[in-house]
Amino acid sequence: TTIGVRRFEVARRALPRSERVVSVLGHDLRVKVVTLPDGSTRAKPEADDVVLIARATGRSVREVREEVRKSL
């Protein structure tokens, strides 16, 4: 049992982001692109889309992620 609870507020700043669609192994896949404070960008594939493409193509999630990396 607990005799006390800690509470505190947290501030969060989100990076500017956009979404692109790329074609991977014949399927469309959403990619989130964020702009970092130094002006560079970083992209990350949407996890649900990666899993769907892996199932549809019979490839592993790792293989699909590698194909995404090549296409960016």
C-alpha atoms as a PDB file:
ATOM      1  CA  THR A   1       0.000   0.000   0.000  1.00  0.00           C
ATOM      2  CA  THR A   2       1.022   3.590  -0.579  1.00  0.00           C
ATOM      3  CA  ILE A   3       0.946   6.329   2.006  1.00  0.00           C
ATOM      4  CA  GLY A   4       1.675   9.115  -0.447  1.00  0.00           C
ATOM      5  CA  VAL A   5       1.696  10.018  -4.130  1.00  0.00           C
ATOM      6  CA  ARG A   6       4.141  12.331  -5.885  1.00  0.00           C
ATOM      7  CA  ARG A   7       2.670  14.771  -8.395  1.00  0.00           C
ATOM      8  CA  PHE A   8       4.467  17.183 -10.667  1.00  0.00           C
ATOM      9  CA  GLU A   9       3.843  18.963 -13.951  1.00  0.00           C
ATOM     10  CA  VAL A  10       5.972  18.275 -16.977  1.00  0.00           C
ATOM     11  CA  ALA A  11       6.468  20.592 -19.920  1.00  0.00           C
ATOM     12  CA  ARG A  12       6.889  19.045 -23.352  1.00  0.00           C
ATOM     13  CA  ARG A  13       8.047  20.609 -26.572  1.00  0.00           C
ATOM     14  CA  ALA A  14       7.349  18.691 -29.755  1.00  0.00           C
ATOM     15  CA  LEU A  15       9.543  18.965 -32.819  1.00  0.00           C
ATOM     16  CA  PRO A  16       7.944  20.223 -36.034  1.00  0.00           C
ATOM     17  CA  ARG A  17       6.841  17.194 -38.002  1.00  0.00           C
ATOM     18  CA  SER A  18       5.273  16.193 -41.276  1.00  0.00           C
ATOM     19  CA  GLU A  19       4.229  12.932 -42.858  1.00  0.00           C
ATOM     20  CA  ARG A  20       5.279  11.470 -46.207  1.00  0.00           C
ATOM     21  CA  VAL A  21       4.188   8.371 -48.041  1.00  0.00           C
ATOM     22  CA  VAL A  22       6.837   6.196 -49.685  1.00  0.00           C
ATOM     23  CA  SER A  23       6.474   3.052 -51.748  1.00  0.00           C
ATOM     24  CA  VAL A  24       8.176  -0.012 -50.286  1.00  0.00           C
ATOM     25  CA  LEU A  25       7.992  -3.436 -51.908  1.00  0.00           C
ATOM     26  CA  GLY A  26       4.955  -2.279 -53.889  1.00  0.00           C
ATOM     27  CA  HIS A  27       3.065  -0.969 -50.854  1.00  0.00           C
ATOM     28  CA  ASP A  28       2.507   2.544 -49.524  1.00  0.00           C
ATOM     29  CA  LEU A  29       4.059   3.269 -46.151  1.00  0.00           C
ATOM     30  CA  ARG A  30       3.681   6.393 -43.993  1.00  0.00           C
ATOM     31  CA  VAL A  31       6.882   8.010 -42.723  1.00  0.00           C
ATOM     32  CA  LYS A  32       7.039  10.666 -40.002  1.00  0.00           C
ATOM     33  CA  VAL A  33       9.668  13.334 -40.673  1.00  0.00           C
ATOM     34  CA  VAL A  34      10.821  15.665 -37.881  1.00  0.00           C
ATOM     35  CA  THR A  35      12.969  18.770 -38.176  1.00  0.00           C
ATOM     36  CA  LEU A  36      15.675  18.913 -35.528  1.00  0.00           C
ATOM     37  CA  PRO A  37      16.789  22.183 -33.891  1.00  0.00           C
ATOM     38  CA  ASP A  38      19.910  22.322 -36.110  1.00  0.00           C
ATOM     39  CA  GLY A  39      17.705  22.208 -39.244  1.00  0.00           C
ATOM     40  CA  SER A  40      18.458  18.616 -40.191  1.00  0.00           C
ATOM     41  CA  THR A  41      15.663  16.083 -40.554  1.00  0.00           C
ATOM     42  CA  ARG A  42      15.078  12.562 -39.262  1.00  0.00           C
ATOM     43  CA  ALA A  43      12.511  10.082 -40.584  1.00  0.00           C
ATOM     44  CA  LYS A  44      10.826   7.127 -38.922  1.00  0.00           C
ATOM     45  CA  PRO A  45       8.447   4.659 -40.590  1.00  0.00           C
ATOM     46  CA  GLU A  46       4.992   4.145 -39.096  1.00  0.00           C
ATOM     47  CA  ALA A  47       5.281   0.877 -37.135  1.00  0.00           C
ATOM     48  CA  ASP A  48       1.788  -0.381 -38.012  1.00  0.00           C
ATOM     49  CA  ASP A  49       2.500   0.043 -41.735  1.00  0.00           C
ATOM     50  CA  VAL A  50       5.807  -1.833 -41.422  1.00  0.00           C
ATOM     51  CA  VAL A  51       4.039  -4.793 -39.799  1.00  0.00           C
ATOM     52  CA  LEU A  52       1.287  -4.825 -42.442  1.00  0.00           C
ATOM     53  CA  ILE A  53       3.831  -4.822 -45.276  1.00  0.00           C
ATOM     54  CA  ALA A  54       5.874  -7.555 -43.598  1.00  0.00           C
ATOM     55  CA  ARG A  55       2.782  -9.764 -43.349  1.00  0.00           C
ATOM     56  CA  ALA A  56       1.669  -8.992 -46.908  1.00  0.00           C
ATOM     57  CA  THR A  57       5.080  -9.770 -48.426  1.00  0.00           C
ATOM     58  CA  GLY A  58       6.180 -12.624 -46.179  1.00  0.00           C
ATOM     59  CA  ARG A  59       9.277 -10.686 -45.118  1.00  0.00           C
ATOM     60  CA  SER A  60      10.471  -9.907 -41.635  1.00  0.00           C
ATOM     61  CA  VAL A  61       9.867  -6.537 -39.992  1.00  0.00           C
ATOM     62  CA  ARG A  62      13.646  -6.015 -40.027  1.00  0.00           C
ATOM     63  CA  GLU A  63      13.800  -6.569 -43.799  1.00  0.00           C
ATOM     64  CA  VAL A  64      10.950  -4.115 -44.394  1.00  0.00           C
ATOM     65  CA  ARG A  65      12.615  -1.491 -42.178  1.00  0.00           C
ATOM     66  CA  GLU A  66      15.835  -1.921 -44.161  1.00  0.00           C
ATOM     67  CA  GLU A  67      13.939  -1.390 -47.427  1.00  0.00           C
ATOM     68  CA  VAL A  68      12.404   1.765 -45.955  1.00  0.00           C
ATOM     69  CA  ARG A  69      15.834   3.036 -44.955  1.00  0.00           C
ATOM     70  CA  LYS A  70      17.106   2.473 -48.516  1.00  0.00           C
ATOM     71  CA  SER A  71      14.129   4.352 -50.001  1.00  0.00           C
ATOM     72  CA  LEU A  72      14.711   7.481 -47.897  1.00  0.00           C
END
